[in-house]
Amino acid sequence: MTGRAAVVLMLLLVAFGPCNVAALPGSSTTPDIVSTITTTAMASCGCTNASLFTENSPVAACRKAILIETIDRLINETFGDRLAQLEAAVQPTTTTPTCFAADTRFMLANGSSAPLTAMTTGDILKCVNNTDGTVIDCPITTMGHVEHTLETTFMRLHYVDSQNQPQVLVVTPDHFLFAPTKNMTECGNLPNGDYIAAYNFGVGSPLVVYENDCLRTTLVTAVDHVVQNGFYSPATTTTTVVAEGVVASIYSESELSPDFYDILMSPLIREVESNLPIKDYENGLHPYILKVFEIITTELTPEEAAYAYDAVDQEFRAKNGVMTKEEITQVFLDAKGSL
C-alpha cells in the first residue's frame, strides 16, 4: 500500500465506513473524487447495507483493496507528473557516503599533495576554473560530509602518470569525475566534457589529470573495489579539486535537482567558513545541510516542500545568488503550514 493511499483510505474508512454514501450526513456535498472511489468499491465488491451488519471478511478485504487501487489510480490521473515530482523532491535523504577515501591526497597550491587530515579549512588547493577551464588556486571553504572511521565501499580507478608510474584514485561510485569527450594531445585548458559519476568509468575510459603544471588526458588501466574506513567531501570555491592527480568535482549524484543543490551548497562554497582542522560532524553531514534535509523530510508535506523550493529559488535569484545558510533554512521553516 502506498503511503498516500493508506492515509486517504484511513480517512475514508473513518468518514465513509458505511457503504451507502447517500445515507451519510452531508453527502450531498461529497466531492466527486470521493463518490467515484466509494462507488467503485461498492460495485467491485458487491457491497450492500446488509454487509455492514454481518461478518463478511472477504467483502471487507475486497473493499479495502479496491479502495487502495482506486485511490492510487484517481490521484495519478488527477495530478500526474506533478505528483511524481513532489514525491521525488521529499524522498528521505540518507547519509550514504559520497566522497573521497580518507587517505586521498589533494594537490596544494605549491604543487605538493597531502591528505585532508593534514589540512585545515582555508588551506589553498589547486582547482579548475569552471568558466575557462584553467587551473587556479582556491581555498577549502568547509567540509560537506566527513567520517573518520566509518567503513565504506569505494571504487579504485587506476592509471599511469607521465613518468610511467602507477597511480590510483579511491572514491565512492557516485562521486563526480571529469570525463573528457576527446583525448588531449598536448597540455591545455580543461577540454570539452562533463562531470559524471565514477561508476561510469571503466578500463580505457579517459580521465583528465594535472601534473607538472599540465592538464592532460590519460586512460583508466584497471577498476576494482575496496572497503576502507573513513571518507571526506571537501567544499571549494570552484567546486573542483585535483585528487590523486585527477580532476574531480566536490559533488556527487543526488536525488536533488542540480539547480536546488547549487543553491543549497552556495553558502558553503562562497567563502571560508573557519580555519578549523578537519573534524567529524554528528551524523556525518554538515549541520546546515542536515538541518535543511530534516525539515524537508520530516516537517513539510510534498506541497510545502515544492513551495519552499520555488520560494528559495526566487529569493536566490532576487539576491543575485547570494544567500546565507540561515536565510535558506528560514525559507524552509516558513513553508511549514503555509498551504
C-alpha atoms as a PDB file:
ATOM      1  CA  MET A   1       0.000   0.000   0.000  1.00  0.00           C
ATOM      2  CA  THR A   2       1.383   3.411  -0.854  1.00  0.00           C
ATOM      3  CA  GLY A   3       1.661   5.926   1.944  1.00  0.00           C
ATOM      4  CA  ARG A   4      -0.773   8.277   0.208  1.00  0.00           C
ATOM      5  CA  ALA A   5      -3.358   5.607  -0.392  1.00  0.00           C
ATOM      6  CA  ALA A   6      -3.055   4.440   3.203  1.00  0.00           C
ATOM      7  CA  VAL A   7      -3.697   7.924   4.561  1.00  0.00           C
ATOM      8  CA  VAL A   8      -6.635   8.627   2.258  1.00  0.00           C
ATOM      9  CA  LEU A   9      -8.011   5.151   2.884  1.00  0.00           C
ATOM     10  CA  MET A  10      -7.867   5.704   6.631  1.00  0.00           C
ATOM     11  CA  LEU A  11      -9.763   8.969   6.268  1.00  0.00           C
ATOM     12  CA  LEU A  12     -12.324   7.352   4.016  1.00  0.00           C
ATOM     13  CA  LEU A  13     -12.873   4.406   6.335  1.00  0.00           C
ATOM     14  CA  VAL A  14     -13.339   6.760   9.269  1.00  0.00           C
ATOM     15  CA  ALA A  15     -15.595   9.205   7.469  1.00  0.00           C
ATOM     16  CA  PHE A  16     -17.256   6.868   4.964  1.00  0.00           C
ATOM     17  CA  GLY A  17     -17.384   3.488   6.682  1.00  0.00           C
ATOM     18  CA  PRO A  18     -20.997   2.794   5.561  1.00  0.00           C
ATOM     19  CA  CYS A  19     -21.194   1.535   2.001  1.00  0.00           C
ATOM     20  CA  ASN A  20     -24.197   3.667   1.186  1.00  0.00           C
ATOM     21  CA  VAL A  21     -22.771   7.171   0.727  1.00  0.00           C
ATOM     22  CA  ALA A  22     -26.222   8.599   0.237  1.00  0.00           C
ATOM     23  CA  ALA A  23     -27.033   7.692   3.827  1.00  0.00           C
ATOM     24  CA  LEU A  24     -24.219   9.838   5.190  1.00  0.00           C
ATOM     25  CA  PRO A  25     -24.968  13.227   6.695  1.00  0.00           C
ATOM     26  CA  GLY A  26     -23.883  15.959   4.321  1.00  0.00           C
ATOM     27  CA  SER A  27     -23.325  13.516   1.477  1.00  0.00           C
ATOM     28  CA  SER A  28     -24.925  15.868  -0.982  1.00  0.00           C
ATOM     29  CA  THR A  29     -21.719  17.923  -0.889  1.00  0.00           C
ATOM     30  CA  THR A  30     -19.348  14.946  -1.108  1.00  0.00           C
ATOM     31  CA  PRO A  31     -16.580  15.718  -3.685  1.00  0.00           C
ATOM     32  CA  ASP A  32     -16.741  13.844  -6.974  1.00  0.00           C
ATOM     33  CA  ILE A  33     -13.480  12.043  -6.319  1.00  0.00           C
ATOM     34  CA  VAL A  34     -14.800  10.566  -3.046  1.00  0.00           C
ATOM     35  CA  SER A  35     -18.041   9.493  -4.712  1.00  0.00           C
ATOM     36  CA  THR A  36     -16.110   7.823  -7.515  1.00  0.00           C
ATOM     37  CA  ILE A  37     -13.877   5.942  -5.087  1.00  0.00           C
ATOM     38  CA  THR A  38     -16.747   4.732  -2.944  1.00  0.00           C
ATOM     39  CA  THR A  39     -18.994   3.801  -5.891  1.00  0.00           C
ATOM     40  CA  THR A  40     -16.159   1.811  -7.471  1.00  0.00           C
ATOM     41  CA  ALA A  41     -15.561  -0.086  -4.259  1.00  0.00           C
ATOM     42  CA  MET A  42     -19.271  -0.861  -3.867  1.00  0.00           C
ATOM     43  CA  ALA A  43     -19.643  -2.091  -7.438  1.00  0.00           C
ATOM     44  CA  SER A  44     -16.487  -4.204  -7.400  1.00  0.00           C
ATOM     45  CA  CYS A  45     -17.164  -5.888  -4.066  1.00  0.00           C
ATOM     46  CA  GLY A  46     -20.933  -6.183  -4.134  1.00  0.00           C
ATOM     47  CA  CYS A  47     -21.065  -4.058  -1.010  1.00  0.00           C
ATOM     48  CA  THR A  48     -24.570  -3.521   0.350  1.00  0.00           C
ATOM     49  CA  ASN A  49     -26.053  -2.132   3.532  1.00  0.00           C
ATOM     50  CA  ALA A  50     -26.577  -5.720   4.668  1.00  0.00           C
ATOM     51  CA  SER A  51     -22.835  -6.317   4.685  1.00  0.00           C
ATOM     52  CA  LEU A  52     -22.498  -3.702   7.402  1.00  0.00           C
ATOM     53  CA  PHE A  53     -24.410  -5.905   9.798  1.00  0.00           C
ATOM     54  CA  THR A  54     -22.815  -9.245   9.014  1.00  0.00           C
ATOM     55  CA  GLU A  55     -19.336 -10.574   9.492  1.00  0.00           C
ATOM     56  CA  ASN A  56     -18.114 -10.691   5.927  1.00  0.00           C
ATOM     57  CA  SER A  57     -14.317 -10.633   5.902  1.00  0.00           C
ATOM     58  CA  PRO A  58     -13.964 -11.292   2.147  1.00  0.00           C
ATOM     59  CA  VAL A  59     -16.163  -8.295   1.327  1.00  0.00           C
ATOM     60  CA  ALA A  60     -14.250  -6.106   3.773  1.00  0.00           C
ATOM     61  CA  ALA A  61     -10.913  -7.183   2.344  1.00  0.00           C
ATOM     62  CA  CYS A  62     -12.147  -6.637  -1.190  1.00  0.00           C
ATOM     63  CA  ARG A  63     -13.490  -3.216  -0.335  1.00  0.00           C
ATOM     64  CA  LYS A  64     -10.139  -2.220   1.176  1.00  0.00           C
ATOM     65  CA  ALA A  65      -8.130  -3.498  -1.809  1.00  0.00           C
ATOM     66  CA  ILE A  66     -10.410  -1.791  -4.329  1.00  0.00           C
ATOM     67  CA  LEU A  67     -10.265   1.454  -2.375  1.00  0.00           C
ATOM     68  CA  ILE A  68      -6.469   1.431  -2.438  1.00  0.00           C
ATOM     69  CA  GLU A  69      -6.368   0.655  -6.154  1.00  0.00           C
ATOM     70  CA  THR A  70      -8.961   3.301  -6.964  1.00  0.00           C
ATOM     71  CA  ILE A  71      -7.308   5.975  -4.821  1.00  0.00           C
ATOM     72  CA  ASP A  72      -3.949   5.443  -6.498  1.00  0.00           C
ATOM     73  CA  ARG A  73      -5.465   5.461  -9.990  1.00  0.00           C
ATOM     74  CA  LEU A  74      -7.522   8.615  -9.454  1.00  0.00           C
ATOM     75  CA  ILE A  75      -4.681  10.508  -7.781  1.00  0.00           C
ATOM     76  CA  ASN A  76      -2.303   9.600 -10.605  1.00  0.00           C
ATOM     77  CA  GLU A  77      -4.884  10.603 -13.218  1.00  0.00           C
ATOM     78  CA  THR A  78      -5.625  13.867 -11.416  1.00  0.00           C
ATOM     79  CA  PHE A  79      -2.114  15.041 -10.539  1.00  0.00           C
ATOM     80  CA  GLY A  80       0.091  13.130 -12.974  1.00  0.00           C
ATOM     81  CA  ASP A  81       3.725  14.181 -13.315  1.00  0.00           C
ATOM     82  CA  ARG A  82       3.390  16.987 -10.789  1.00  0.00           C
ATOM     83  CA  LEU A  83       2.727  14.460  -8.033  1.00  0.00           C
ATOM     84  CA  ALA A  84       5.729  12.365  -9.024  1.00  0.00           C
ATOM     85  CA  GLN A  85       7.924  15.458  -8.882  1.00  0.00           C
ATOM     86  CA  LEU A  86       6.645  16.354  -5.426  1.00  0.00           C
ATOM     87  CA  GLU A  87       7.266  12.856  -4.104  1.00  0.00           C
ATOM     88  CA  ALA A  88      10.792  12.743  -5.572  1.00  0.00           C
ATOM     89  CA  ALA A  89      11.555  16.097  -4.010  1.00  0.00           C
ATOM     90  CA  VAL A  90      10.938  14.879  -0.478  1.00  0.00           C
ATOM     91  CA  GLN A  91      12.362  11.375  -0.538  1.00  0.00           C
ATOM     92  CA  PRO A  92      14.331  10.872   2.676  1.00  0.00           C
ATOM     93  CA  THR A  93      17.959  11.752   2.121  1.00  0.00           C
ATOM     94  CA  THR A  94      20.429   9.307   3.603  1.00  0.00           C
ATOM     95  CA  THR A  95      23.980   9.909   4.713  1.00  0.00           C
ATOM     96  CA  THR A  96      25.352   7.229   2.400  1.00  0.00           C
ATOM     97  CA  PRO A  97      28.982   8.203   1.781  1.00  0.00           C
ATOM     98  CA  THR A  98      29.567  10.066  -1.491  1.00  0.00           C
ATOM     99  CA  CYS A  99      33.130  11.158  -1.037  1.00  0.00           C
ATOM    100  CA  PHE A 100      36.854  10.557  -1.284  1.00  0.00           C
ATOM    101  CA  ALA A 101      38.647   7.903   0.734  1.00  0.00           C
ATOM    102  CA  ALA A 102      40.277   9.159   3.935  1.00  0.00           C
ATOM    103  CA  ASP A 103      43.823   8.766   2.629  1.00  0.00           C
ATOM    104  CA  THR A 104      43.182  10.616  -0.658  1.00  0.00           C
ATOM    105  CA  ARG A 105      45.844  13.227  -1.361  1.00  0.00           C
ATOM    106  CA  PHE A 106      44.804  16.615  -2.738  1.00  0.00           C
ATOM    107  CA  MET A 107      47.126  18.909  -4.654  1.00  0.00           C
ATOM    108  CA  LEU A 108      48.035  22.086  -2.790  1.00  0.00           C
ATOM    109  CA  ALA A 109      48.759  25.435  -4.407  1.00  0.00           C
ATOM    110  CA  ASN A 110      52.518  24.822  -4.125  1.00  0.00           C
ATOM    111  CA  GLY A 111      52.221  21.626  -6.187  1.00  0.00           C
ATOM    112  CA  SER A 112      52.684  19.186  -3.296  1.00  0.00           C
ATOM    113  CA  SER A 113      49.934  16.814  -2.196  1.00  0.00           C
ATOM    114  CA  ALA A 114      48.547  15.946   1.234  1.00  0.00           C
ATOM    115  CA  PRO A 115      45.529  14.190   2.775  1.00  0.00           C
ATOM    116  CA  LEU A 116      42.724  16.329   4.189  1.00  0.00           C
ATOM    117  CA  THR A 117      43.524  15.135   7.695  1.00  0.00           C
ATOM    118  CA  ALA A 118      46.748  17.150   7.428  1.00  0.00           C
ATOM    119  CA  MET A 119      44.888  20.312   6.380  1.00  0.00           C
ATOM    120  CA  THR A 120      42.568  22.926   7.808  1.00  0.00           C
ATOM    121  CA  THR A 121      39.721  24.775   6.123  1.00  0.00           C
ATOM    122  CA  GLY A 122      41.229  27.802   4.434  1.00  0.00           C
ATOM    123  CA  ASP A 123      44.196  25.885   3.035  1.00  0.00           C
ATOM    124  CA  ILE A 124      44.745  26.604  -0.670  1.00  0.00           C
ATOM    125  CA  LEU A 125      44.398  23.827  -3.248  1.00  0.00           C
ATOM    126  CA  LYS A 126      44.860  23.509  -6.982  1.00  0.00           C
ATOM    127  CA  CYS A 127      41.407  23.665  -8.609  1.00  0.00           C
ATOM    128  CA  VAL A 128      39.905  24.037 -12.064  1.00  0.00           C
ATOM    129  CA  ASN A 129      38.062  27.200 -13.041  1.00  0.00           C
ATOM    130  CA  ASN A 130      34.684  26.111 -14.407  1.00  0.00           C
ATOM    131  CA  THR A 131      34.420  29.242 -16.547  1.00  0.00           C
ATOM    132  CA  ASP A 132      37.541  28.927 -18.697  1.00  0.00           C
ATOM    133  CA  GLY A 133      38.990  25.522 -17.746  1.00  0.00           C
ATOM    134  CA  THR A 134      42.253  26.906 -16.384  1.00  0.00           C
ATOM    135  CA  VAL A 135      43.966  25.635 -13.250  1.00  0.00           C
ATOM    136  CA  ILE A 136      43.770  28.142 -10.405  1.00  0.00           C
ATOM    137  CA  ASP A 137      44.290  28.287  -6.649  1.00  0.00           C
ATOM    138  CA  CYS A 138      41.213  28.052  -4.438  1.00  0.00           C
ATOM    139  CA  PRO A 139      40.565  27.531  -0.710  1.00  0.00           C
ATOM    140  CA  ILE A 140      38.915  24.670   1.108  1.00  0.00           C
ATOM    141  CA  THR A 141      35.871  26.515   2.450  1.00  0.00           C
ATOM    142  CA  THR A 142      34.437  23.770   4.677  1.00  0.00           C
ATOM    143  CA  MET A 143      33.589  20.068   4.737  1.00  0.00           C
ATOM    144  CA  GLY A 144      30.225  18.916   3.440  1.00  0.00           C
ATOM    145  CA  HIS A 145      30.471  15.293   4.585  1.00  0.00           C
ATOM    146  CA  VAL A 146      33.071  13.680   6.816  1.00  0.00           C
ATOM    147  CA  GLU A 147      33.579  10.489   8.805  1.00  0.00           C
ATOM    148  CA  HIS A 148      36.983   9.477  10.136  1.00  0.00           C
ATOM    149  CA  THR A 149      36.240   5.804  10.787  1.00  0.00           C
ATOM    150  CA  LEU A 150      33.043   4.641   9.017  1.00  0.00           C
ATOM    151  CA  GLU A 151      33.591   1.515   6.901  1.00  0.00           C
ATOM    152  CA  THR A 152      32.802   2.329   3.263  1.00  0.00           C
ATOM    153  CA  THR A 153      32.975   0.586  -0.114  1.00  0.00           C
ATOM    154  CA  PHE A 154      34.964   2.528  -2.693  1.00  0.00           C
ATOM    155  CA  MET A 155      35.909   2.237  -6.354  1.00  0.00           C
ATOM    156  CA  ARG A 156      39.593   2.287  -7.262  1.00  0.00           C
ATOM    157  CA  LEU A 157      40.434   3.832 -10.623  1.00  0.00           C
ATOM    158  CA  HIS A 158      43.992   3.002 -11.713  1.00  0.00           C
ATOM    159  CA  TYR A 159      46.021   4.956 -14.248  1.00  0.00           C
ATOM    160  CA  VAL A 160      49.657   5.573 -15.219  1.00  0.00           C
ATOM    161  CA  ASP A 161      51.187   9.033 -14.864  1.00  0.00           C
ATOM    162  CA  SER A 162      53.573  10.795 -17.249  1.00  0.00           C
ATOM    163  CA  GLN A 163      56.554   9.159 -15.512  1.00  0.00           C
ATOM    164  CA  ASN A 164      55.019   5.743 -16.208  1.00  0.00           C
ATOM    165  CA  GLN A 165      54.267   5.285 -12.504  1.00  0.00           C
ATOM    166  CA  PRO A 166      51.026   3.602 -11.390  1.00  0.00           C
ATOM    167  CA  GLN A 167      48.524   5.859  -9.609  1.00  0.00           C
ATOM    168  CA  VAL A 168      45.101   5.214  -8.111  1.00  0.00           C
ATOM    169  CA  LEU A 169      42.138   7.354  -7.099  1.00  0.00           C
ATOM    170  CA  VAL A 170      39.776   5.901  -4.470  1.00  0.00           C
ATOM    171  CA  VAL A 171      36.238   7.351  -4.458  1.00  0.00           C
ATOM    172  CA  THR A 172      32.671   6.274  -3.846  1.00  0.00           C
ATOM    173  CA  PRO A 173      30.981   5.065  -7.061  1.00  0.00           C
ATOM    174  CA  ASP A 174      28.635   8.052  -7.372  1.00  0.00           C
ATOM    175  CA  HIS A 175      31.257  10.761  -6.944  1.00  0.00           C
ATOM    176  CA  PHE A 176      31.712  13.045  -9.981  1.00  0.00           C
ATOM    177  CA  LEU A 177      34.934  12.947 -12.008  1.00  0.00           C
ATOM    178  CA  PHE A 178      35.630  14.863 -15.204  1.00  0.00           C
ATOM    179  CA  ALA A 179      35.107  12.817 -18.361  1.00  0.00           C
ATOM    180  CA  PRO A 180      36.555  14.482 -21.495  1.00  0.00           C
ATOM    181  CA  THR A 181      34.871  13.929 -24.836  1.00  0.00           C
ATOM    182  CA  LYS A 182      38.228  13.508 -26.578  1.00  0.00           C
ATOM    183  CA  ASN A 183      41.864  12.936 -25.683  1.00  0.00           C
ATOM    184  CA  MET A 184      44.267  15.868 -25.329  1.00  0.00           C
ATOM    185  CA  THR A 185      47.394  15.590 -27.464  1.00  0.00           C
ATOM    186  CA  GLU A 186      49.204  18.333 -25.523  1.00  0.00           C
ATOM    187  CA  CYS A 187      48.870  20.492 -22.407  1.00  0.00           C
ATOM    188  CA  GLY A 188      45.933  22.842 -22.360  1.00  0.00           C
ATOM    189  CA  ASN A 189      42.833  24.009 -20.551  1.00  0.00           C
ATOM    190  CA  LEU A 190      40.141  21.584 -19.475  1.00  0.00           C
ATOM    191  CA  PRO A 191      38.714  20.105 -22.698  1.00  0.00           C
ATOM    192  CA  ASN A 192      35.065  19.634 -23.576  1.00  0.00           C
ATOM    193  CA  GLY A 193      33.352  17.074 -21.417  1.00  0.00           C
ATOM    194  CA  ASP A 194      31.281  16.743 -18.271  1.00  0.00           C
ATOM    195  CA  TYR A 195      31.438  15.615 -14.652  1.00  0.00           C
ATOM    196  CA  ILE A 196      29.900  12.159 -14.331  1.00  0.00           C
ATOM    197  CA  ALA A 197      29.694   9.514 -11.597  1.00  0.00           C
ATOM    198  CA  ALA A 198      32.748   7.306 -11.105  1.00  0.00           C
ATOM    199  CA  TYR A 199      30.767   4.122 -11.788  1.00  0.00           C
ATOM    200  CA  ASN A 200      30.575   5.197 -15.453  1.00  0.00           C
ATOM    201  CA  PHE A 201      34.341   4.797 -15.844  1.00  0.00           C
ATOM    202  CA  GLY A 202      35.848   1.513 -16.963  1.00  0.00           C
ATOM    203  CA  VAL A 203      39.105   0.252 -18.387  1.00  0.00           C
ATOM    204  CA  GLY A 204      40.017   2.514 -21.306  1.00  0.00           C
ATOM    205  CA  SER A 205      37.892   5.457 -20.130  1.00  0.00           C
ATOM    206  CA  PRO A 206      39.698   8.806 -20.383  1.00  0.00           C
ATOM    207  CA  LEU A 207      40.457  10.886 -17.278  1.00  0.00           C
ATOM    208  CA  VAL A 208      41.914  14.380 -17.041  1.00  0.00           C
ATOM    209  CA  VAL A 209      44.941  14.604 -14.764  1.00  0.00           C
ATOM    210  CA  TYR A 210      47.112  17.522 -13.651  1.00  0.00           C
ATOM    211  CA  GLU A 211      50.848  17.003 -13.223  1.00  0.00           C
ATOM    212  CA  ASN A 212      53.957  19.074 -13.911  1.00  0.00           C
ATOM    213  CA  ASP A 213      51.759  22.172 -14.338  1.00  0.00           C
ATOM    214  CA  CYS A 214      49.970  20.436 -17.190  1.00  0.00           C
ATOM    215  CA  LEU A 215      46.393  19.276 -17.736  1.00  0.00           C
ATOM    216  CA  ARG A 216      46.326  16.195 -19.944  1.00  0.00           C
ATOM    217  CA  THR A 217      44.218  13.106 -20.568  1.00  0.00           C
ATOM    218  CA  THR A 218      45.099   9.559 -19.646  1.00  0.00           C
ATOM    219  CA  LEU A 219      43.232   6.262 -19.658  1.00  0.00           C
ATOM    220  CA  VAL A 220      41.925   4.120 -16.833  1.00  0.00           C
ATOM    221  CA  THR A 221      44.021   0.945 -16.768  1.00  0.00           C
ATOM    222  CA  ALA A 222      42.052  -1.019 -14.170  1.00  0.00           C
ATOM    223  CA  VAL A 223      38.986  -0.735 -11.937  1.00  0.00           C
ATOM    224  CA  ASP A 224      38.324  -2.594  -8.695  1.00  0.00           C
ATOM    225  CA  HIS A 225      36.630  -2.103  -5.347  1.00  0.00           C
ATOM    226  CA  VAL A 226      37.930  -1.879  -1.823  1.00  0.00           C
ATOM    227  CA  VAL A 227      36.459  -1.454   1.666  1.00  0.00           C
ATOM    228  CA  GLN A 228      38.202   1.215   3.752  1.00  0.00           C
ATOM    229  CA  ASN A 229      37.478   3.245   6.865  1.00  0.00           C
ATOM    230  CA  GLY A 230      36.772   6.958   6.651  1.00  0.00           C
ATOM    231  CA  PHE A 231      35.736   9.402   3.926  1.00  0.00           C
ATOM    232  CA  TYR A 232      35.789  13.134   3.232  1.00  0.00           C
ATOM    233  CA  SER A 233      33.928  15.538   0.971  1.00  0.00           C
ATOM    234  CA  PRO A 234      35.609  18.959   0.916  1.00  0.00           C
ATOM    235  CA  ALA A 235      33.986  22.115  -0.426  1.00  0.00           C
ATOM    236  CA  THR A 236      35.938  24.648  -2.505  1.00  0.00           C
ATOM    237  CA  THR A 237      35.052  27.961  -4.106  1.00  0.00           C
ATOM    238  CA  THR A 238      35.265  26.418  -7.605  1.00  0.00           C
ATOM    239  CA  THR A 239      33.520  23.124  -6.620  1.00  0.00           C
ATOM    240  CA  THR A 240      36.528  21.300  -8.125  1.00  0.00           C
ATOM    241  CA  VAL A 241      39.705  19.668  -6.796  1.00  0.00           C
ATOM    242  CA  VAL A 242      42.716  17.725  -8.036  1.00  0.00           C
ATOM    243  CA  ALA A 243      42.611  14.430  -6.130  1.00  0.00           C
ATOM    244  CA  GLU A 244      45.459  11.947  -6.612  1.00  0.00           C
ATOM    245  CA  GLY A 245      46.240  13.930  -9.755  1.00  0.00           C
ATOM    246  CA  VAL A 246      42.713  13.519 -11.181  1.00  0.00           C
ATOM    247  CA  VAL A 247      40.361  16.442 -11.915  1.00  0.00           C
ATOM    248  CA  ALA A 248      37.246  15.851  -9.828  1.00  0.00           C
ATOM    249  CA  SER A 249      34.157  17.657  -8.583  1.00  0.00           C
ATOM    250  CA  ILE A 250      33.233  18.104  -4.939  1.00  0.00           C
ATOM    251  CA  TYR A 251      29.739  16.906  -5.891  1.00  0.00           C
ATOM    252  CA  SER A 252      28.190  13.507  -6.475  1.00  0.00           C
ATOM    253  CA  GLU A 253      24.941  12.129  -7.852  1.00  0.00           C
ATOM    254  CA  SER A 254      21.918  13.274  -5.853  1.00  0.00           C
ATOM    255  CA  GLU A 255      18.151  12.926  -5.856  1.00  0.00           C
ATOM    256  CA  LEU A 256      18.013  16.705  -5.578  1.00  0.00           C
ATOM    257  CA  SER A 257      17.760  18.780  -8.739  1.00  0.00           C
ATOM    258  CA  PRO A 258      21.107  20.320  -9.805  1.00  0.00           C
ATOM    259  CA  ASP A 259      19.696  23.854  -9.507  1.00  0.00           C
ATOM    260  CA  PHE A 260      18.483  23.318  -5.963  1.00  0.00           C
ATOM    261  CA  TYR A 261      21.692  21.561  -4.960  1.00  0.00           C
ATOM    262  CA  ASP A 262      23.678  24.554  -6.230  1.00  0.00           C
ATOM    263  CA  ILE A 263      21.523  26.895  -4.129  1.00  0.00           C
ATOM    264  CA  LEU A 264      21.799  24.662  -1.064  1.00  0.00           C
ATOM    265  CA  MET A 265      25.593  24.469  -1.319  1.00  0.00           C
ATOM    266  CA  SER A 266      26.149  28.117  -2.264  1.00  0.00           C
ATOM    267  CA  PRO A 267      26.738  29.410   1.299  1.00  0.00           C
ATOM    268  CA  LEU A 268      29.310  26.659   1.872  1.00  0.00           C
ATOM    269  CA  ILE A 269      31.390  27.336  -1.238  1.00  0.00           C
ATOM    270  CA  ARG A 270      31.209  31.134  -1.338  1.00  0.00           C
ATOM    271  CA  GLU A 271      33.672  31.825   1.488  1.00  0.00           C
ATOM    272  CA  VAL A 272      35.845  30.059   4.033  1.00  0.00           C
ATOM    273  CA  GLU A 273      33.701  29.059   6.984  1.00  0.00           C
ATOM    274  CA  SER A 274      36.505  28.796   9.543  1.00  0.00           C
ATOM    275  CA  ASN A 275      40.153  27.874   9.947  1.00  0.00           C
ATOM    276  CA  LEU A 276      39.444  24.739  11.952  1.00  0.00           C
ATOM    277  CA  PRO A 277      41.075  21.343  11.409  1.00  0.00           C
ATOM    278  CA  ILE A 278      39.070  18.726   9.568  1.00  0.00           C
ATOM    279  CA  LYS A 279      36.757  17.074  12.101  1.00  0.00           C
ATOM    280  CA  ASP A 280      33.786  14.743  12.352  1.00  0.00           C
ATOM    281  CA  TYR A 281      30.225  16.000  12.112  1.00  0.00           C
ATOM    282  CA  GLU A 282      27.360  14.453  14.009  1.00  0.00           C
ATOM    283  CA  ASN A 283      25.652  12.073  11.538  1.00  0.00           C
ATOM    284  CA  GLY A 284      28.441  12.777   9.024  1.00  0.00           C
ATOM    285  CA  LEU A 285      26.803  15.781   7.331  1.00  0.00           C
ATOM    286  CA  HIS A 286      27.481  19.470   7.747  1.00  0.00           C
ATOM    287  CA  PRO A 287      24.966  20.676  10.385  1.00  0.00           C
ATOM    288  CA  TYR A 288      23.371  23.168   7.989  1.00  0.00           C
ATOM    289  CA  ILE A 289      22.770  20.560   5.260  1.00  0.00           C
ATOM    290  CA  LEU A 290      21.446  18.081   7.818  1.00  0.00           C
ATOM    291  CA  LYS A 291      19.021  20.671   9.217  1.00  0.00           C
ATOM    292  CA  VAL A 292      17.556  21.517   5.799  1.00  0.00           C
ATOM    293  CA  PHE A 293      17.153  17.819   4.920  1.00  0.00           C
ATOM    294  CA  GLU A 294      15.429  17.154   8.243  1.00  0.00           C
ATOM    295  CA  ILE A 295      12.963  19.978   7.643  1.00  0.00           C
ATOM    296  CA  ILE A 296      12.179  18.766   4.120  1.00  0.00           C
ATOM    297  CA  THR A 297      11.763  15.109   5.018  1.00  0.00           C
ATOM    298  CA  THR A 298      10.125  15.283   8.445  1.00  0.00           C
ATOM    299  CA  GLU A 299       8.310  18.604   8.768  1.00  0.00           C
ATOM    300  CA  LEU A 300       6.975  19.523   5.316  1.00  0.00           C
ATOM    301  CA  THR A 301       4.321  17.997   3.121  1.00  0.00           C
ATOM    302  CA  PRO A 302       5.257  17.415  -0.537  1.00  0.00           C
ATOM    303  CA  GLU A 303       3.285  20.502  -1.492  1.00  0.00           C
ATOM    304  CA  GLU A 304       5.009  22.621   1.163  1.00  0.00           C
ATOM    305  CA  ALA A 305       8.421  21.334   0.085  1.00  0.00           C
ATOM    306  CA  ALA A 306       7.674  22.217  -3.546  1.00  0.00           C
ATOM    307  CA  TYR A 307       6.508  25.660  -2.414  1.00  0.00           C
ATOM    308  CA  ALA A 308       9.751  26.115  -0.465  1.00  0.00           C
ATOM    309  CA  TYR A 309      11.859  25.071  -3.486  1.00  0.00           C
ATOM    310  CA  ASP A 310      10.148  27.729  -5.610  1.00  0.00           C
ATOM    311  CA  ALA A 311      10.446  30.335  -2.862  1.00  0.00           C
ATOM    312  CA  VAL A 312      14.153  29.780  -2.239  1.00  0.00           C
ATOM    313  CA  ASP A 313      14.835  29.800  -5.998  1.00  0.00           C
ATOM    314  CA  GLN A 314      13.064  33.141  -6.400  1.00  0.00           C
ATOM    315  CA  GLU A 315      14.829  34.677  -3.406  1.00  0.00           C
ATOM    316  CA  PHE A 316      18.190  33.338  -4.570  1.00  0.00           C
ATOM    317  CA  ARG A 317      17.713  34.962  -7.961  1.00  0.00           C
ATOM    318  CA  ALA A 318      16.454  38.219  -6.430  1.00  0.00           C
ATOM    319  CA  LYS A 319      19.583  38.388  -4.254  1.00  0.00           C
ATOM    320  CA  ASN A 320      21.890  37.711  -7.214  1.00  0.00           C
ATOM    321  CA  GLY A 321      22.849  34.269  -5.996  1.00  0.00           C
ATOM    322  CA  VAL A 322      23.911  35.288  -2.507  1.00  0.00           C
ATOM    323  CA  MET A 323      22.043  33.797   0.458  1.00  0.00           C
ATOM    324  CA  THR A 324      23.285  32.766   3.872  1.00  0.00           C
ATOM    325  CA  LYS A 325      22.776  29.366   5.493  1.00  0.00           C
ATOM    326  CA  GLU A 326      20.337  30.992   7.905  1.00  0.00           C
ATOM    327  CA  GLU A 327      18.281  32.607   5.123  1.00  0.00           C
ATOM    328  CA  ILE A 328      17.928  29.367   3.163  1.00  0.00           C
ATOM    329  CA  THR A 329      16.999  27.419   6.290  1.00  0.00           C
ATOM    330  CA  GLN A 330      14.387  30.028   7.205  1.00  0.00           C
ATOM    331  CA  VAL A 331      12.666  29.729   3.815  1.00  0.00           C
ATOM    332  CA  PHE A 332      12.028  26.054   4.539  1.00  0.00           C
ATOM    333  CA  LEU A 333      10.926  26.724   8.109  1.00  0.00           C
ATOM    334  CA  ASP A 334       8.472  29.363   6.848  1.00  0.00           C
ATOM    335  CA  ALA A 335       6.962  26.873   4.389  1.00  0.00           C
ATOM    336  CA  LYS A 336       5.604  24.719   7.219  1.00  0.00           C
ATOM    337  CA  GLY A 337       1.843  25.216   7.405  1.00  0.00           C
ATOM    338  CA  SER A 338       1.922  27.804   4.627  1.00  0.00           C
ATOM    339  CA  LEU A 339      -0.540  25.945   2.364  1.00  0.00           C
END
